[in-house]
Amino acid sequence: MYWATVWAEDANGVVLPEILGHGLDTSTTPVFDPFTSYGFITDVPLEMVDNNSATYSNNVGMFKKLFAIVETG
């Protein structure tokens, strides 16, 4: 099992806004930073709804799939 986080950036590397209530937190603390290595899925900051609870995000997901890691070179 693994998890992944995805986001979109503009040409300057600025994270683009998300659908309200369904995205990554880019305006408060903690803020999503694409250069941060998040160790746990729960570390990824999500937008807040009504200033008191995190919503779900279309950007973070768990995957129950087999995948291969191939060493080259």
N, C-alpha and C. Protein backbone atom coordinates (compact mmCIF):
# COMPACT_ATOMS: atom_id res chain seq x y z
N MET A 1 0.84 -1.16 0.00
CA MET A 1 0.00 0.00 0.00
C MET A 1 0.90 1.24 0.00
N TYR A 2 0.49 2.25 -0.72
CA TYR A 2 1.24 3.50 -0.72
C TYR A 2 0.25 4.65 -0.83
N TRP A 3 0.73 5.85 -0.58
CA TRP A 3 -0.11 7.03 -0.73
C TRP A 3 0.63 8.05 -1.57
N ALA A 4 -0.14 8.92 -2.21
CA ALA A 4 0.45 9.93 -3.09
C ALA A 4 -0.27 11.26 -2.91
N THR A 5 0.47 12.34 -3.14
CA THR A 5 -0.09 13.68 -3.13
C THR A 5 0.18 14.32 -4.49
N VAL A 6 -0.83 14.93 -5.09
CA VAL A 6 -0.67 15.59 -6.38
C VAL A 6 -1.13 17.03 -6.27
N TRP A 7 -0.55 17.90 -7.10
CA TRP A 7 -0.93 19.30 -7.14
C TRP A 7 -0.57 19.87 -8.50
N ALA A 8 -1.11 21.05 -8.80
CA ALA A 8 -0.79 21.74 -10.06
C ALA A 8 -0.08 23.04 -9.73
N GLU A 9 0.88 23.40 -10.59
CA GLU A 9 1.64 24.64 -10.41
C GLU A 9 1.55 25.47 -11.68
N ASP A 10 1.73 26.80 -11.52
CA ASP A 10 1.83 27.65 -12.70
C ASP A 10 3.28 27.64 -13.20
N ALA A 11 3.59 28.43 -14.22
CA ALA A 11 4.92 28.44 -14.82
C ALA A 11 6.00 28.92 -13.87
N ASN A 12 5.60 29.61 -12.79
CA ASN A 12 6.56 30.10 -11.79
C ASN A 12 6.71 29.17 -10.60
N GLY A 13 6.06 28.01 -10.65
CA GLY A 13 6.15 27.06 -9.55
C GLY A 13 5.23 27.35 -8.39
N VAL A 14 4.26 28.25 -8.58
CA VAL A 14 3.29 28.58 -7.53
C VAL A 14 2.15 27.57 -7.60
N VAL A 15 1.79 26.99 -6.43
CA VAL A 15 0.71 26.01 -6.38
C VAL A 15 -0.60 26.70 -6.75
N LEU A 16 -1.33 26.11 -7.71
CA LEU A 16 -2.59 26.70 -8.17
C LEU A 16 -3.71 26.45 -7.15
N PRO A 17 -4.71 27.34 -7.13
CA PRO A 17 -5.83 27.18 -6.19
C PRO A 17 -6.60 25.89 -6.46
N GLU A 18 -7.21 25.36 -5.41
CA GLU A 18 -7.99 24.13 -5.49
C GLU A 18 -9.48 24.46 -5.50
N ILE A 19 -10.30 23.44 -5.76
CA ILE A 19 -11.74 23.59 -5.62
C ILE A 19 -12.01 23.86 -4.14
N LEU A 20 -12.77 24.88 -3.83
CA LEU A 20 -13.03 25.28 -2.46
C LEU A 20 -13.54 24.10 -1.62
N GLY A 21 -12.87 23.84 -0.51
CA GLY A 21 -13.28 22.77 0.39
C GLY A 21 -12.79 21.39 0.04
N HIS A 22 -12.02 21.25 -1.03
CA HIS A 22 -11.58 19.91 -1.45
C HIS A 22 -10.10 19.85 -1.76
N GLY A 23 -9.32 20.79 -1.26
CA GLY A 23 -7.94 20.83 -1.70
C GLY A 23 -6.91 20.91 -0.60
N LEU A 24 -5.72 21.28 -1.01
CA LEU A 24 -4.59 21.43 -0.10
C LEU A 24 -4.62 22.83 0.51
N ASP A 25 -4.12 22.96 1.72
CA ASP A 25 -4.09 24.25 2.39
C ASP A 25 -2.90 25.05 1.89
N THR A 26 -3.17 26.16 1.23
CA THR A 26 -2.09 27.00 0.71
C THR A 26 -2.13 28.41 1.29
N SER A 27 -2.95 28.64 2.34
CA SER A 27 -3.09 30.00 2.84
C SER A 27 -2.91 30.16 4.34
N THR A 28 -2.96 29.11 5.11
CA THR A 28 -2.82 29.23 6.57
C THR A 28 -1.66 28.37 7.05
N THR A 29 -1.49 28.26 8.35
CA THR A 29 -0.41 27.45 8.93
C THR A 29 -1.01 26.20 9.56
N PRO A 30 -0.52 25.00 9.30
CA PRO A 30 0.55 24.70 8.35
C PRO A 30 0.06 24.84 6.92
N VAL A 31 0.97 25.14 6.03
CA VAL A 31 0.64 25.35 4.62
C VAL A 31 1.29 24.24 3.79
N PHE A 32 0.60 23.83 2.73
CA PHE A 32 1.15 22.82 1.84
C PHE A 32 2.37 23.38 1.12
N ASP A 33 3.45 22.63 1.12
CA ASP A 33 4.69 23.03 0.46
C ASP A 33 5.15 21.88 -0.43
N PRO A 34 5.17 22.06 -1.75
CA PRO A 34 5.56 20.95 -2.63
C PRO A 34 7.01 20.51 -2.46
N PHE A 35 7.82 21.29 -1.75
CA PHE A 35 9.22 20.92 -1.54
C PHE A 35 9.43 20.20 -0.21
N THR A 36 8.38 19.98 0.54
CA THR A 36 8.46 19.27 1.81
C THR A 36 8.26 17.79 1.57
N SER A 37 9.03 16.95 2.24
CA SER A 37 8.83 15.51 2.20
C SER A 37 7.93 15.14 3.37
N TYR A 38 6.68 14.79 3.08
CA TYR A 38 5.73 14.40 4.13
C TYR A 38 5.90 12.92 4.43
N GLY A 39 6.08 12.60 5.70
CA GLY A 39 6.31 11.22 6.09
C GLY A 39 5.04 10.39 6.23
N PHE A 40 3.93 11.06 6.55
CA PHE A 40 2.66 10.37 6.77
C PHE A 40 1.56 11.09 6.01
N ILE A 41 0.57 10.36 5.54
CA ILE A 41 -0.54 10.95 4.79
C ILE A 41 -1.24 12.03 5.62
N THR A 42 -1.28 11.86 6.92
CA THR A 42 -1.95 12.84 7.79
C THR A 42 -1.14 14.11 7.99
N ASP A 43 0.11 14.14 7.51
CA ASP A 43 0.94 15.35 7.61
C ASP A 43 0.59 16.39 6.54
N VAL A 44 -0.05 15.97 5.45
CA VAL A 44 -0.34 16.88 4.35
C VAL A 44 -1.46 17.82 4.77
N PRO A 45 -1.20 19.14 4.80
CA PRO A 45 -2.22 20.08 5.27
C PRO A 45 -3.37 20.23 4.28
N LEU A 46 -4.59 20.08 4.78
CA LEU A 46 -5.79 20.21 3.98
C LEU A 46 -6.51 21.52 4.31
N GLU A 47 -7.31 21.99 3.36
CA GLU A 47 -8.14 23.17 3.62
C GLU A 47 -9.05 22.92 4.80
N MET A 48 -9.40 23.98 5.50
CA MET A 48 -10.31 23.87 6.64
C MET A 48 -11.70 24.34 6.22
N VAL A 49 -12.72 23.71 6.78
CA VAL A 49 -14.11 24.11 6.55
C VAL A 49 -14.61 24.71 7.85
N ASP A 50 -15.21 25.87 7.77
CA ASP A 50 -15.75 26.54 8.95
C ASP A 50 -14.69 26.75 10.01
N ASN A 51 -13.42 26.83 9.60
CA ASN A 51 -12.29 27.09 10.50
C ASN A 51 -12.13 26.08 11.63
N ASN A 52 -12.72 24.90 11.52
CA ASN A 52 -12.56 23.96 12.63
C ASN A 52 -12.36 22.50 12.24
N SER A 53 -12.52 22.14 10.98
CA SER A 53 -12.30 20.73 10.64
C SER A 53 -11.77 20.61 9.22
N ALA A 54 -10.85 19.68 9.02
CA ALA A 54 -10.26 19.47 7.70
C ALA A 54 -11.24 18.72 6.81
N THR A 55 -11.30 19.10 5.57
CA THR A 55 -12.13 18.41 4.60
C THR A 55 -11.35 17.25 4.01
N TYR A 56 -12.00 16.51 3.16
CA TYR A 56 -11.25 15.52 2.39
C TYR A 56 -10.58 16.26 1.24
N SER A 57 -9.60 15.64 0.62
CA SER A 57 -8.91 16.27 -0.49
C SER A 57 -8.85 15.33 -1.67
N ASN A 58 -9.07 15.88 -2.85
CA ASN A 58 -8.90 15.11 -4.07
C ASN A 58 -7.43 14.93 -4.42
N ASN A 59 -6.55 15.52 -3.62
CA ASN A 59 -5.12 15.53 -3.92
C ASN A 59 -4.33 14.45 -3.19
N VAL A 60 -4.93 13.83 -2.20
CA VAL A 60 -4.22 12.85 -1.38
C VAL A 60 -5.02 11.56 -1.41
N GLY A 61 -4.34 10.44 -1.65
CA GLY A 61 -5.07 9.19 -1.71
C GLY A 61 -4.22 7.98 -1.36
N MET A 62 -4.90 6.94 -0.87
CA MET A 62 -4.26 5.66 -0.55
C MET A 62 -4.53 4.69 -1.70
N PHE A 63 -3.54 3.88 -2.00
CA PHE A 63 -3.65 2.94 -3.10
C PHE A 63 -3.24 1.55 -2.64
N LYS A 64 -4.13 0.59 -2.80
CA LYS A 64 -3.85 -0.80 -2.44
C LYS A 64 -3.51 -1.56 -3.71
N LYS A 65 -2.34 -1.31 -4.23
CA LYS A 65 -1.90 -1.92 -5.48
C LYS A 65 -0.49 -2.46 -5.34
N LEU A 66 -0.20 -3.52 -6.09
CA LEU A 66 1.17 -4.01 -6.19
C LEU A 66 1.90 -3.19 -7.24
N PHE A 67 3.13 -2.84 -6.96
CA PHE A 67 3.93 -2.16 -7.96
C PHE A 67 5.37 -2.59 -7.79
N ALA A 68 6.11 -2.51 -8.87
CA ALA A 68 7.49 -2.96 -8.88
C ALA A 68 8.44 -1.76 -8.85
N ILE A 69 9.54 -1.94 -8.16
CA ILE A 69 10.62 -0.96 -8.17
C ILE A 69 11.76 -1.61 -8.95
N VAL A 70 12.11 -0.99 -10.06
CA VAL A 70 13.11 -1.55 -10.95
C VAL A 70 14.39 -0.74 -10.84
N GLU A 71 15.49 -1.42 -10.53
CA GLU A 71 16.79 -0.75 -10.46
C GLU A 71 17.42 -0.79 -11.85
N THR A 72 17.87 0.36 -12.31
CA THR A 72 18.54 0.42 -13.60
C THR A 72 19.93 0.99 -13.42
N GLY A 73 20.78 0.70 -14.34
CA GLY A 73 22.12 1.28 -14.33
C GLY A 73 23.13 0.47 -13.70
